[in-house]
């Protein structure tokens, strides 16, 4: 029996009442065999240029930044992770999925952040 790595993306809907920028991710979990590839997508309601980040979260841990600026790997993020896109459409691809990649993946736009008073 081939082992599968369970990767999931939850709906991330963020709307700022001043900036009116929304972010939407499909929420279906994905099972991928080790060594396989998977792509997650994220769309925004208005252009955020390249101000998109991707995070990985494992159970009991805080989210870990993987990609910022839509395509720049952060810190020691392995090269099997790649981000692309601009404007309103973005994707995160993992080529050569490893068991340690199991977890939840989130996108976040950071061009228009909520204002605090």
PDB file of N, CA and C in Angstrom:
ATOM      1  N   UNK A   1       0.843  -1.179   0.000  1.00  0.00           N
ATOM      2  CA  UNK A   1       0.000   0.000   0.000  1.00  0.00           C
ATOM      3  C   UNK A   1       0.889   1.245   0.000  1.00  0.00           C
ATOM      4  N   UNK A   2       0.613   2.167  -0.887  1.00  0.00           N
ATOM      5  CA  UNK A   2       1.386   3.388  -0.988  1.00  0.00           C
ATOM      6  C   UNK A   2       0.934   4.378   0.077  1.00  0.00           C
ATOM      7  N   UNK A   3       1.888   4.912   0.800  1.00  0.00           N
ATOM      8  CA  UNK A   3       1.562   5.919   1.811  1.00  0.00           C
ATOM      9  C   UNK A   3       1.193   7.220   1.110  1.00  0.00           C
ATOM     10  N   UNK A   4       0.278   7.955   1.701  1.00  0.00           N
ATOM     11  CA  UNK A   4      -0.121   9.241   1.157  1.00  0.00           C
ATOM     12  C   UNK A   4       0.166  10.330   2.171  1.00  0.00           C
ATOM     13  N   UNK A   5       0.515  11.493   1.672  1.00  0.00           N
ATOM     14  CA  UNK A   5       0.737  12.651   2.518  1.00  0.00           C
ATOM     15  C   UNK A   5      -0.518  13.504   2.417  1.00  0.00           C
ATOM     16  N   UNK A   6      -1.146  13.790   3.549  1.00  0.00           N
ATOM     17  CA  UNK A   6      -2.371  14.582   3.551  1.00  0.00           C
ATOM     18  C   UNK A   6      -2.026  16.057   3.704  1.00  0.00           C
ATOM     19  N   UNK A   7      -2.408  16.812   2.706  1.00  0.00           N
ATOM     20  CA  UNK A   7      -2.182  18.251   2.698  1.00  0.00           C
ATOM     21  C   UNK A   7      -3.542  18.909   2.597  1.00  0.00           C
ATOM     22  N   UNK A   8      -3.751  19.952   3.324  1.00  0.00           N
ATOM     23  CA  UNK A   8      -5.051  20.605   3.225  1.00  0.00           C
ATOM     24  C   UNK A   8      -4.909  22.112   3.246  1.00  0.00           C
ATOM     25  N   UNK A   9      -5.852  22.728   2.589  1.00  0.00           N
ATOM     26  CA  UNK A   9      -5.940  24.174   2.573  1.00  0.00           C
ATOM     27  C   UNK A   9      -7.351  24.522   3.009  1.00  0.00           C
ATOM     28  N   UNK A  10      -7.469  25.403   3.965  1.00  0.00           N
ATOM     29  CA  UNK A  10      -8.769  25.821   4.442  1.00  0.00           C
ATOM     30  C   UNK A  10      -9.148  27.144   3.803  1.00  0.00           C
ATOM     31  N   UNK A  11     -10.448  27.367   3.732  1.00  0.00           N
ATOM     32  CA  UNK A  11     -10.912  28.634   3.187  1.00  0.00           C
ATOM     33  C   UNK A  11     -10.370  29.759   4.059  1.00  0.00           C
ATOM     34  N   UNK A  12      -9.731  30.680   3.417  1.00  0.00           N
ATOM     35  CA  UNK A  12      -9.244  31.860   4.124  1.00  0.00           C
ATOM     36  C   UNK A  12      -9.973  33.051   3.526  1.00  0.00           C
ATOM     37  N   UNK A  13     -10.902  33.595   4.256  1.00  0.00           N
ATOM     38  CA  UNK A  13     -11.651  34.739   3.771  1.00  0.00           C
ATOM     39  C   UNK A  13     -11.389  35.884   4.719  1.00  0.00           C
ATOM     40  N   UNK A  14     -10.743  36.892   4.198  1.00  0.00           N
ATOM     41  CA  UNK A  14     -10.380  38.040   5.014  1.00  0.00           C
ATOM     42  C   UNK A  14     -10.913  39.273   4.299  1.00  0.00           C
ATOM     43  N   UNK A  15     -11.660  40.075   4.983  1.00  0.00           N
ATOM     44  CA  UNK A  15     -12.159  41.285   4.351  1.00  0.00           C
ATOM     45  C   UNK A  15     -11.969  42.448   5.301  1.00  0.00           C
ATOM     46  N   UNK A  16     -11.327  43.465   4.802  1.00  0.00           N
ATOM     47  CA  UNK A  16     -11.084  44.678   5.566  1.00  0.00           C
ATOM     48  C   UNK A  16     -12.178  45.674   5.183  1.00  0.00           C
ATOM     49  N   UNK A  17     -12.899  46.178   6.158  1.00  0.00           N
ATOM     50  CA  UNK A  17     -14.020  47.067   5.867  1.00  0.00           C
ATOM     51  C   UNK A  17     -13.575  48.361   5.197  1.00  0.00           C
ATOM     52  N   UNK A  18     -12.325  48.751   5.373  1.00  0.00           N
ATOM     53  CA  UNK A  18     -11.827  49.961   4.730  1.00  0.00           C
ATOM     54  C   UNK A  18     -11.261  49.635   3.352  1.00  0.00           C
ATOM     55  N   UNK A  19     -10.426  48.620   3.271  1.00  0.00           N
ATOM     56  CA  UNK A  19      -9.724  48.313   2.030  1.00  0.00           C
ATOM     57  C   UNK A  19     -10.509  47.388   1.103  1.00  0.00           C
ATOM     58  N   UNK A  20     -11.462  46.628   1.643  1.00  0.00           N
ATOM     59  CA  UNK A  20     -12.308  45.748   0.840  1.00  0.00           C
ATOM     60  C   UNK A  20     -11.521  44.758  -0.009  1.00  0.00           C
ATOM     61  N   UNK A  21     -10.518  44.131   0.565  1.00  0.00           N
ATOM     62  CA  UNK A  21      -9.764  43.096  -0.135  1.00  0.00           C
ATOM     63  C   UNK A  21     -10.120  41.749   0.466  1.00  0.00           C
ATOM     64  N   UNK A  22     -10.575  40.831  -0.371  1.00  0.00           N
ATOM     65  CA  UNK A  22     -10.914  39.497   0.114  1.00  0.00           C
ATOM     66  C   UNK A  22      -9.943  38.481  -0.459  1.00  0.00           C
ATOM     67  N   UNK A  23      -9.746  37.394   0.279  1.00  0.00           N
ATOM     68  CA  UNK A  23      -8.859  36.308  -0.138  1.00  0.00           C
ATOM     69  C   UNK A  23      -9.656  35.022  -0.041  1.00  0.00           C
ATOM     70  N   UNK A  24      -9.570  34.189  -1.070  1.00  0.00           N
ATOM     71  CA  UNK A  24     -10.327  32.946  -1.064  1.00  0.00           C
ATOM     72  C   UNK A  24      -9.453  31.785  -1.511  1.00  0.00           C
ATOM     73  N   UNK A  25      -9.486  30.707  -0.740  1.00  0.00           N
ATOM     74  CA  UNK A  25      -8.783  29.469  -1.068  1.00  0.00           C
ATOM     75  C   UNK A  25      -9.783  28.331  -1.105  1.00  0.00           C
ATOM     76  N   UNK A  26      -9.693  27.449  -2.086  1.00  0.00           N
ATOM     77  CA  UNK A  26     -10.500  26.226  -2.031  1.00  0.00           C
ATOM     78  C   UNK A  26     -10.101  25.420  -0.793  1.00  0.00           C
ATOM     79  N   UNK A  27     -11.048  24.675  -0.214  1.00  0.00           N
ATOM     80  CA  UNK A  27     -10.773  24.025   1.065  1.00  0.00           C
ATOM     81  C   UNK A  27     -10.629  22.510   1.013  1.00  0.00           C
ATOM     82  N   UNK A  28     -10.661  21.909  -0.153  1.00  0.00           N
ATOM     83  CA  UNK A  28     -10.612  20.446  -0.229  1.00  0.00           C
ATOM     84  C   UNK A  28      -9.236  19.907   0.160  1.00  0.00           C
ATOM     85  N   UNK A  29      -9.194  18.951   1.108  1.00  0.00           N
ATOM     86  CA  UNK A  29      -7.914  18.316   1.446  1.00  0.00           C
ATOM     87  C   UNK A  29      -7.373  17.547   0.243  1.00  0.00           C
ATOM     88  N   UNK A  30      -6.071  17.458   0.150  1.00  0.00           N
ATOM     89  CA  UNK A  30      -5.438  16.738  -0.950  1.00  0.00           C
ATOM     90  C   UNK A  30      -4.524  15.661  -0.389  1.00  0.00           C
ATOM     91  N   UNK A  31      -4.634  14.461  -0.923  1.00  0.00           N
ATOM     92  CA  UNK A  31      -3.732  13.369  -0.555  1.00  0.00           C
ATOM     93  C   UNK A  31      -2.782  13.148  -1.718  1.00  0.00           C
ATOM     94  N   UNK A  32      -1.499  13.174  -1.433  1.00  0.00           N
ATOM     95  CA  UNK A  32      -0.483  13.094  -2.477  1.00  0.00           C
ATOM     96  C   UNK A  32       0.519  12.014  -2.105  1.00  0.00           C
ATOM     97  N   UNK A  33       0.893  11.144  -3.042  1.00  0.00           N
ATOM     98  CA  UNK A  33       1.915  10.142  -2.725  1.00  0.00           C
ATOM     99  C   UNK A  33       3.275  10.812  -2.562  1.00  0.00           C
ATOM    100  N   UNK A  34       4.128  10.311  -1.668  1.00  0.00           N
ATOM    101  CA  UNK A  34       5.477  10.869  -1.546  1.00  0.00           C
ATOM    102  C   UNK A  34       6.152  10.890  -2.912  1.00  0.00           C
ATOM    103  N   UNK A  35       6.796  12.006  -3.202  1.00  0.00           N
ATOM    104  CA  UNK A  35       7.439  12.181  -4.499  1.00  0.00           C
ATOM    105  C   UNK A  35       6.541  12.830  -5.521  1.00  0.00           C
ATOM    106  N   UNK A  36       5.250  12.932  -5.221  1.00  0.00           N
ATOM    107  CA  UNK A  36       4.298  13.549  -6.142  1.00  0.00           C
ATOM    108  C   UNK A  36       4.331  15.065  -6.056  1.00  0.00           C
ATOM    109  N   UNK A  37       3.456  15.682  -6.804  1.00  0.00           N
ATOM    110  CA  UNK A  37       3.361  17.143  -6.821  1.00  0.00           C
ATOM    111  C   UNK A  37       1.946  17.573  -6.478  1.00  0.00           C
ATOM    112  N   UNK A  38       1.836  18.756  -5.917  1.00  0.00           N
ATOM    113  CA  UNK A  38       0.527  19.310  -5.583  1.00  0.00           C
ATOM    114  C   UNK A  38       0.589  20.822  -5.747  1.00  0.00           C
ATOM    115  N   UNK A  39      -0.524  21.402  -6.180  1.00  0.00           N
ATOM    116  CA  UNK A  39      -0.619  22.852  -6.325  1.00  0.00           C
ATOM    117  C   UNK A  39      -1.854  23.353  -5.592  1.00  0.00           C
ATOM    118  N   UNK A  40      -1.669  24.401  -4.803  1.00  0.00           N
ATOM    119  CA  UNK A  40      -2.753  25.084  -4.116  1.00  0.00           C
ATOM    120  C   UNK A  40      -2.956  26.433  -4.801  1.00  0.00           C
ATOM    121  N   UNK A  41      -4.187  26.889  -4.863  1.00  0.00           N
ATOM    122  CA  UNK A  41      -4.459  28.179  -5.487  1.00  0.00           C
ATOM    123  C   UNK A  41      -5.105  29.130  -4.492  1.00  0.00           C
ATOM    124  N   UNK A  42      -4.974  30.397  -4.788  1.00  0.00           N
ATOM    125  CA  UNK A  42      -5.515  31.444  -3.936  1.00  0.00           C
ATOM    126  C   UNK A  42      -5.871  32.621  -4.840  1.00  0.00           C
ATOM    127  N   UNK A  43      -7.053  33.172  -4.664  1.00  0.00           N
ATOM    128  CA  UNK A  43      -7.446  34.335  -5.451  1.00  0.00           C
ATOM    129  C   UNK A  43      -7.854  35.474  -4.524  1.00  0.00           C
ATOM    130  N   UNK A  44      -7.713  36.685  -5.021  1.00  0.00           N
ATOM    131  CA  UNK A  44      -8.103  37.863  -4.256  1.00  0.00           C
ATOM    132  C   UNK A  44      -9.174  38.624  -5.025  1.00  0.00           C
ATOM    133  N   UNK A  45      -9.999  39.353  -4.301  1.00  0.00           N
ATOM    134  CA  UNK A  45     -11.085  40.093  -4.924  1.00  0.00           C
ATOM    135  C   UNK A  45     -10.634  41.311  -5.697  1.00  0.00           C
ATOM    136  N   UNK A  46      -9.453  41.805  -5.391  1.00  0.00           N
ATOM    137  CA  UNK A  46      -8.859  42.912  -6.137  1.00  0.00           C
ATOM    138  C   UNK A  46      -7.351  42.692  -6.156  1.00  0.00           C
ATOM    139  N   UNK A  47      -6.674  43.393  -7.041  1.00  0.00           N
ATOM    140  CA  UNK A  47      -5.237  43.176  -7.206  1.00  0.00           C
ATOM    141  C   UNK A  47      -4.461  43.514  -5.933  1.00  0.00           C
ATOM    142  N   UNK A  48      -3.549  42.615  -5.576  1.00  0.00           N
ATOM    143  CA  UNK A  48      -2.641  42.865  -4.456  1.00  0.00           C
ATOM    144  C   UNK A  48      -1.193  42.843  -4.955  1.00  0.00           C
ATOM    145  N   UNK A  49      -1.032  43.066  -6.275  1.00  0.00           N
ATOM    146  CA  UNK A  49       0.288  43.052  -6.904  1.00  0.00           C
ATOM    147  C   UNK A  49       0.956  41.715  -6.602  1.00  0.00           C
ATOM    148  N   UNK A  50       2.103  41.737  -5.942  1.00  0.00           N
ATOM    149  CA  UNK A  50       2.788  40.496  -5.544  1.00  0.00           C
ATOM    150  C   UNK A  50       2.824  40.344  -4.028  1.00  0.00           C
ATOM    151  N   UNK A  51       1.937  41.050  -3.327  1.00  0.00           N
ATOM    152  CA  UNK A  51       1.922  41.021  -1.863  1.00  0.00           C
ATOM    153  C   UNK A  51       1.141  39.811  -1.340  1.00  0.00           C
ATOM    154  N   UNK A  52       1.667  38.624  -1.629  1.00  0.00           N
ATOM    155  CA  UNK A  52       1.030  37.379  -1.207  1.00  0.00           C
ATOM    156  C   UNK A  52       2.056  36.512  -0.497  1.00  0.00           C
ATOM    157  N   UNK A  53       1.641  35.916   0.614  1.00  0.00           N
ATOM    158  CA  UNK A  53       2.502  35.009   1.377  1.00  0.00           C
ATOM    159  C   UNK A  53       1.795  33.669   1.533  1.00  0.00           C
ATOM    160  N   UNK A  54       2.590  32.617   1.690  1.00  0.00           N
ATOM    161  CA  UNK A  54       2.073  31.265   1.931  1.00  0.00           C
ATOM    162  C   UNK A  54       2.679  30.727   3.222  1.00  0.00           C
ATOM    163  N   UNK A  55       1.845  30.073   4.025  1.00  0.00           N
ATOM    164  CA  UNK A  55       2.259  29.516   5.309  1.00  0.00           C
ATOM    165  C   UNK A  55       1.923  28.032   5.377  1.00  0.00           C
ATOM    166  N   UNK A  56       2.724  27.310   6.152  1.00  0.00           N
ATOM    167  CA  UNK A  56       2.455  25.909   6.470  1.00  0.00           C
ATOM    168  C   UNK A  56       2.209  25.828   7.971  1.00  0.00           C
ATOM    169  N   UNK A  57       1.181  25.078   8.369  1.00  0.00           N
ATOM    170  CA  UNK A  57       0.933  24.871   9.795  1.00  0.00           C
ATOM    171  C   UNK A  57       0.753  23.391  10.070  1.00  0.00           C
ATOM    172  N   UNK A  58       1.528  22.907  11.039  1.00  0.00           N
ATOM    173  CA  UNK A  58       1.424  21.519  11.486  1.00  0.00           C
ATOM    174  C   UNK A  58       0.670  21.497  12.807  1.00  0.00           C
ATOM    175  N   UNK A  59       0.008  20.382  13.134  1.00  0.00           N
ATOM    176  CA  UNK A  59      -0.777  20.310  14.373  1.00  0.00           C
ATOM    177  C   UNK A  59       0.027  20.727  15.602  1.00  0.00           C
ATOM    178  N   UNK A  60      -0.564  21.597  16.408  1.00  0.00           N
ATOM    179  CA  UNK A  60       0.069  22.041  17.640  1.00  0.00           C
ATOM    180  C   UNK A  60       1.174  23.057  17.460  1.00  0.00           C
ATOM    181  N   UNK A  61       1.388  23.530  16.228  1.00  0.00           N
ATOM    182  CA  UNK A  61       2.451  24.500  15.964  1.00  0.00           C
ATOM    183  C   UNK A  61       1.862  25.782  15.383  1.00  0.00           C
ATOM    184  N   UNK A  62       2.638  26.854  15.468  1.00  0.00           N
ATOM    185  CA  UNK A  62       2.224  28.105  14.850  1.00  0.00           C
ATOM    186  C   UNK A  62       2.527  28.040  13.356  1.00  0.00           C
ATOM    187  N   UNK A  63       1.826  28.840  12.547  1.00  0.00           N
ATOM    188  CA  UNK A  63       2.109  28.838  11.109  1.00  0.00           C
ATOM    189  C   UNK A  63       3.550  29.253  10.824  1.00  0.00           C
ATOM    190  N   UNK A  64       4.129  28.632   9.809  1.00  0.00           N
ATOM    191  CA  UNK A  64       5.506  28.906   9.401  1.00  0.00           C
ATOM    192  C   UNK A  64       5.481  29.540   8.016  1.00  0.00           C
ATOM    193  N   UNK A  65       6.121  30.708   7.880  1.00  0.00           N
ATOM    194  CA  UNK A  65       6.187  31.388   6.592  1.00  0.00           C
ATOM    195  C   UNK A  65       7.044  30.586   5.619  1.00  0.00           C
ATOM    196  N   UNK A  66       6.492  30.306   4.438  1.00  0.00           N
ATOM    197  CA  UNK A  66       7.219  29.589   3.389  1.00  0.00           C
ATOM    198  C   UNK A  66       7.635  30.513   2.252  1.00  0.00           C
ATOM    199  N   UNK A  67       6.667  31.311   1.782  1.00  0.00           N
ATOM    200  CA  UNK A  67       6.842  32.138   0.586  1.00  0.00           C
ATOM    201  C   UNK A  67       6.319  33.538   0.875  1.00  0.00           C
ATOM    202  N   UNK A  68       7.029  34.566   0.419  1.00  0.00           N
ATOM    203  CA  UNK A  68       6.520  35.936   0.478  1.00  0.00           C
ATOM    204  C   UNK A  68       6.789  36.592  -0.870  1.00  0.00           C
ATOM    205  N   UNK A  69       6.162  37.732  -1.109  1.00  0.00           N
ATOM    206  CA  UNK A  69       6.334  38.387  -2.401  1.00  0.00           C
ATOM    207  C   UNK A  69       5.881  37.500  -3.549  1.00  0.00           C
ATOM    208  N   UNK A  70       4.929  36.635  -3.280  1.00  0.00           N
ATOM    209  CA  UNK A  70       4.332  35.693  -4.236  1.00  0.00           C
ATOM    210  C   UNK A  70       5.248  34.546  -4.630  1.00  0.00           C
ATOM    211  N   UNK A  71       6.573  34.784  -4.698  1.00  0.00           N
ATOM    212  CA  UNK A  71       7.456  33.733  -5.224  1.00  0.00           C
ATOM    213  C   UNK A  71       8.807  33.583  -4.533  1.00  0.00           C
ATOM    214  N   UNK A  72       9.065  34.370  -3.487  1.00  0.00           N
ATOM    215  CA  UNK A  72      10.364  34.320  -2.818  1.00  0.00           C
ATOM    216  C   UNK A  72      10.312  33.374  -1.621  1.00  0.00           C
ATOM    217  N   UNK A  73      11.177  32.358  -1.637  1.00  0.00           N
ATOM    218  CA  UNK A  73      11.231  31.427  -0.502  1.00  0.00           C
ATOM    219  C   UNK A  73      11.837  32.131   0.709  1.00  0.00           C
ATOM    220  N   UNK A  74      11.237  31.898   1.872  1.00  0.00           N
ATOM    221  CA  UNK A  74      11.706  32.501   3.108  1.00  0.00           C
ATOM    222  C   UNK A  74      12.668  31.566   3.829  1.00  0.00           C
ATOM    223  N   UNK A  75      13.782  32.119   4.319  1.00  0.00           N
ATOM    224  CA  UNK A  75      14.713  31.382   5.173  1.00  0.00           C
ATOM    225  C   UNK A  75      15.138  30.051   4.595  1.00  0.00           C
ATOM    226  N   UNK A  76      14.882  28.977   5.365  1.00  0.00           N
ATOM    227  CA  UNK A  76      15.329  27.643   4.956  1.00  0.00           C
ATOM    228  C   UNK A  76      14.230  26.837   4.258  1.00  0.00           C
ATOM    229  N   UNK A  77      13.251  27.525   3.672  1.00  0.00           N
ATOM    230  CA  UNK A  77      12.196  26.818   2.932  1.00  0.00           C
ATOM    231  C   UNK A  77      12.832  26.007   1.807  1.00  0.00           C
ATOM    232  N   UNK A  78      12.572  24.704   1.755  1.00  0.00           N
ATOM    233  CA  UNK A  78      13.182  23.853   0.725  1.00  0.00           C
ATOM    234  C   UNK A  78      12.792  24.276  -0.693  1.00  0.00           C
ATOM    235  N   UNK A  79      13.676  24.003  -1.637  1.00  0.00           N
ATOM    236  CA  UNK A  79      13.448  24.409  -3.026  1.00  0.00           C
ATOM    237  C   UNK A  79      12.282  23.678  -3.680  1.00  0.00           C
ATOM    238  N   UNK A  80      11.776  22.615  -3.063  1.00  0.00           N
ATOM    239  CA  UNK A  80      10.615  21.929  -3.642  1.00  0.00           C
ATOM    240  C   UNK A  80       9.342  22.768  -3.530  1.00  0.00           C
ATOM    241  N   UNK A  81       9.362  23.815  -2.699  1.00  0.00           N
ATOM    242  CA  UNK A  81       8.241  24.740  -2.579  1.00  0.00           C
ATOM    243  C   UNK A  81       8.458  25.915  -3.527  1.00  0.00           C
ATOM    244  N   UNK A  82       7.463  26.215  -4.336  1.00  0.00           N
ATOM    245  CA  UNK A  82       7.572  27.378  -5.216  1.00  0.00           C
ATOM    246  C   UNK A  82       6.239  28.101  -5.285  1.00  0.00           C
ATOM    247  N   UNK A  83       6.320  29.413  -5.340  1.00  0.00           N
ATOM    248  CA  UNK A  83       5.127  30.238  -5.440  1.00  0.00           C
ATOM    249  C   UNK A  83       5.137  31.008  -6.740  1.00  0.00           C
ATOM    250  N   UNK A  84       3.950  31.321  -7.231  1.00  0.00           N
ATOM    251  CA  UNK A  84       3.855  32.115  -8.452  1.00  0.00           C
ATOM    252  C   UNK A  84       2.560  32.909  -8.438  1.00  0.00           C
ATOM    253  N   UNK A  85       2.475  33.844  -9.371  1.00  0.00           N
ATOM    254  CA  UNK A  85       1.270  34.636  -9.542  1.00  0.00           C
ATOM    255  C   UNK A  85       1.493  36.107  -9.267  1.00  0.00           C
ATOM    256  N   UNK A  86       0.498  36.897  -9.632  1.00  0.00           N
ATOM    257  CA  UNK A  86       0.480  38.326  -9.338  1.00  0.00           C
ATOM    258  C   UNK A  86      -0.928  38.836  -9.600  1.00  0.00           C
ATOM    259  N   UNK A  87      -1.205  40.016  -9.097  1.00  0.00           N
ATOM    260  CA  UNK A  87      -2.528  40.586  -9.302  1.00  0.00           C
ATOM    261  C   UNK A  87      -3.568  39.947  -8.410  1.00  0.00           C
ATOM    262  N   UNK A  88      -4.383  39.043  -8.972  1.00  0.00           N
ATOM    263  CA  UNK A  88      -5.469  38.417  -8.212  1.00  0.00           C
ATOM    264  C   UNK A  88      -5.391  36.896  -8.155  1.00  0.00           C
ATOM    265  N   UNK A  89      -4.409  36.286  -8.805  1.00  0.00           N
ATOM    266  CA  UNK A  89      -4.337  34.820  -8.872  1.00  0.00           C
ATOM    267  C   UNK A  89      -2.945  34.328  -8.486  1.00  0.00           C
ATOM    268  N   UNK A  90      -2.904  33.418  -7.502  1.00  0.00           N
ATOM    269  CA  UNK A  90      -1.635  32.942  -6.960  1.00  0.00           C
ATOM    270  C   UNK A  90      -1.666  31.436  -6.761  1.00  0.00           C
ATOM    271  N   UNK A  91      -0.471  30.831  -6.740  1.00  0.00           N
ATOM    272  CA  UNK A  91      -0.405  29.389  -6.481  1.00  0.00           C
ATOM    273  C   UNK A  91       0.853  29.041  -5.697  1.00  0.00           C
ATOM    274  N   UNK A  92       0.740  27.961  -4.948  1.00  0.00           N
ATOM    275  CA  UNK A  92       1.862  27.354  -4.235  1.00  0.00           C
ATOM    276  C   UNK A  92       1.970  25.924  -4.746  1.00  0.00           C
ATOM    277  N   UNK A  93       3.151  25.541  -5.223  1.00  0.00           N
ATOM    278  CA  UNK A  93       3.376  24.185  -5.721  1.00  0.00           C
ATOM    279  C   UNK A  93       4.449  23.511  -4.888  1.00  0.00           C
ATOM    280  N   UNK A  94       4.216  22.254  -4.561  1.00  0.00           N
ATOM    281  CA  UNK A  94       5.227  21.428  -3.899  1.00  0.00           C
ATOM    282  C   UNK A  94       5.564  20.308  -4.872  1.00  0.00           C
ATOM    283  N   UNK A  95       6.795  20.289  -5.358  1.00  0.00           N
ATOM    284  CA  UNK A  95       7.277  19.235  -6.248  1.00  0.00           C
ATOM    285  C   UNK A  95       8.117  18.263  -5.438  1.00  0.00           C
ATOM    286  N   UNK A  96       7.820  16.973  -5.541  1.00  0.00           N
ATOM    287  CA  UNK A  96       8.555  15.994  -4.749  1.00  0.00           C
ATOM    288  C   UNK A  96       8.119  16.029  -3.298  1.00  0.00           C
ATOM    289  N   UNK A  97       6.817  15.914  -3.085  1.00  0.00           N
ATOM    290  CA  UNK A  97       6.236  15.976  -1.735  1.00  0.00           C
ATOM    291  C   UNK A  97       6.903  14.960  -0.807  1.00  0.00           C
ATOM    292  N   UNK A  98       7.210  15.410   0.403  1.00  0.00           N
ATOM    293  CA  UNK A  98       7.820  14.571   1.440  1.00  0.00           C
ATOM    294  C   UNK A  98       6.822  14.377   2.584  1.00  0.00           C
ATOM    295  N   UNK A  99       6.951  13.287   3.346  1.00  0.00           N
ATOM    296  CA  UNK A  99       6.027  13.069   4.474  1.00  0.00           C
ATOM    297  C   UNK A  99       5.957  14.252   5.436  1.00  0.00           C
ATOM    298  N   UNK A 100       7.075  14.939   5.631  1.00  0.00           N
ATOM    299  CA  UNK A 100       7.088  16.068   6.562  1.00  0.00           C
ATOM    300  C   UNK A 100       6.325  17.289   6.027  1.00  0.00           C
ATOM    301  N   UNK A 101       5.861  17.229   4.784  1.00  0.00           N
ATOM    302  CA  UNK A 101       5.081  18.330   4.221  1.00  0.00           C
ATOM    303  C   UNK A 101       3.611  18.268   4.629  1.00  0.00           C
ATOM    304  N   UNK A 102       3.203  17.203   5.308  1.00  0.00           N
ATOM    305  CA  UNK A 102       1.804  17.079   5.739  1.00  0.00           C
ATOM    306  C   UNK A 102       1.442  18.250   6.642  1.00  0.00           C
ATOM    307  N   UNK A 103       0.285  18.829   6.420  1.00  0.00           N
ATOM    308  CA  UNK A 103      -0.154  19.944   7.237  1.00  0.00           C
ATOM    309  C   UNK A 103      -1.177  20.786   6.514  1.00  0.00           C
ATOM    310  N   UNK A 104      -1.463  21.948   7.074  1.00  0.00           N
ATOM    311  CA  UNK A 104      -2.405  22.895   6.494  1.00  0.00           C
ATOM    312  C   UNK A 104      -1.603  24.018   5.845  1.00  0.00           C
ATOM    313  N   UNK A 105      -2.087  24.506   4.723  1.00  0.00           N
ATOM    314  CA  UNK A 105      -1.420  25.576   3.993  1.00  0.00           C
ATOM    315  C   UNK A 105      -2.372  26.754   3.839  1.00  0.00           C
ATOM    316  N   UNK A 106      -1.851  27.959   4.089  1.00  0.00           N
ATOM    317  CA  UNK A 106      -2.660  29.167   4.052  1.00  0.00           C
ATOM    318  C   UNK A 106      -1.995  30.213   3.168  1.00  0.00           C
ATOM    319  N   UNK A 107      -2.821  31.000   2.494  1.00  0.00           N
ATOM    320  CA  UNK A 107      -2.283  32.174   1.807  1.00  0.00           C
ATOM    321  C   UNK A 107      -2.740  33.419   2.563  1.00  0.00           C
ATOM    322  N   UNK A 108      -1.962  34.492   2.424  1.00  0.00           N
ATOM    323  CA  UNK A 108      -2.305  35.758   3.076  1.00  0.00           C
ATOM    324  C   UNK A 108      -1.849  36.904   2.191  1.00  0.00           C
ATOM    325  N   UNK A 109      -2.764  37.781   1.847  1.00  0.00           N
ATOM    326  CA  UNK A 109      -2.354  38.999   1.149  1.00  0.00           C
ATOM    327  C   UNK A 109      -1.923  40.008   2.211  1.00  0.00           C
ATOM    328  N   UNK A 110      -0.929  40.826   1.886  1.00  0.00           N
ATOM    329  CA  UNK A 110      -0.496  41.820   2.869  1.00  0.00           C
ATOM    330  C   UNK A 110      -0.302  43.194   2.248  1.00  0.00           C
ATOM    331  N   UNK A 111      -0.974  43.433   1.132  1.00  0.00           N
ATOM    332  CA  UNK A 111      -0.959  44.785   0.574  1.00  0.00           C
ATOM    333  C   UNK A 111      -1.920  45.679   1.347  1.00  0.00           C
ATOM    334  N   UNK A 112      -3.102  45.144   1.611  1.00  0.00           N
ATOM    335  CA  UNK A 112      -4.134  45.890   2.332  1.00  0.00           C
ATOM    336  C   UNK A 112      -4.418  45.191   3.648  1.00  0.00           C
ATOM    337  N   UNK A 113      -3.841  45.688   4.707  1.00  0.00           N
ATOM    338  CA  UNK A 113      -4.031  45.089   6.023  1.00  0.00           C
ATOM    339  C   UNK A 113      -5.080  45.869   6.805  1.00  0.00           C
ATOM    340  N   UNK A 114      -5.788  45.197   7.704  1.00  0.00           N
ATOM    341  CA  UNK A 114      -6.777  45.910   8.527  1.00  0.00           C
ATOM    342  C   UNK A 114      -6.117  47.033   9.318  1.00  0.00           C
ATOM    343  N   UNK A 115      -6.833  48.099   9.469  1.00  0.00           N
ATOM    344  CA  UNK A 115      -6.332  49.239  10.238  1.00  0.00           C
ATOM    345  C   UNK A 115      -6.719  49.074  11.700  1.00  0.00           C
ATOM    346  N   UNK A 116      -5.823  49.469  12.596  1.00  0.00           N
ATOM    347  CA  UNK A 116      -6.157  49.443  14.020  1.00  0.00           C
ATOM    348  C   UNK A 116      -6.285  50.876  14.507  1.00  0.00           C
ATOM    349  N   UNK A 117      -7.241  51.094  15.352  1.00  0.00           N
ATOM    350  CA  UNK A 117      -7.468  52.448  15.870  1.00  0.00           C
ATOM    351  C   UNK A 117      -6.988  52.574  17.285  1.00  0.00           C
TER     352      UNK A 117
END
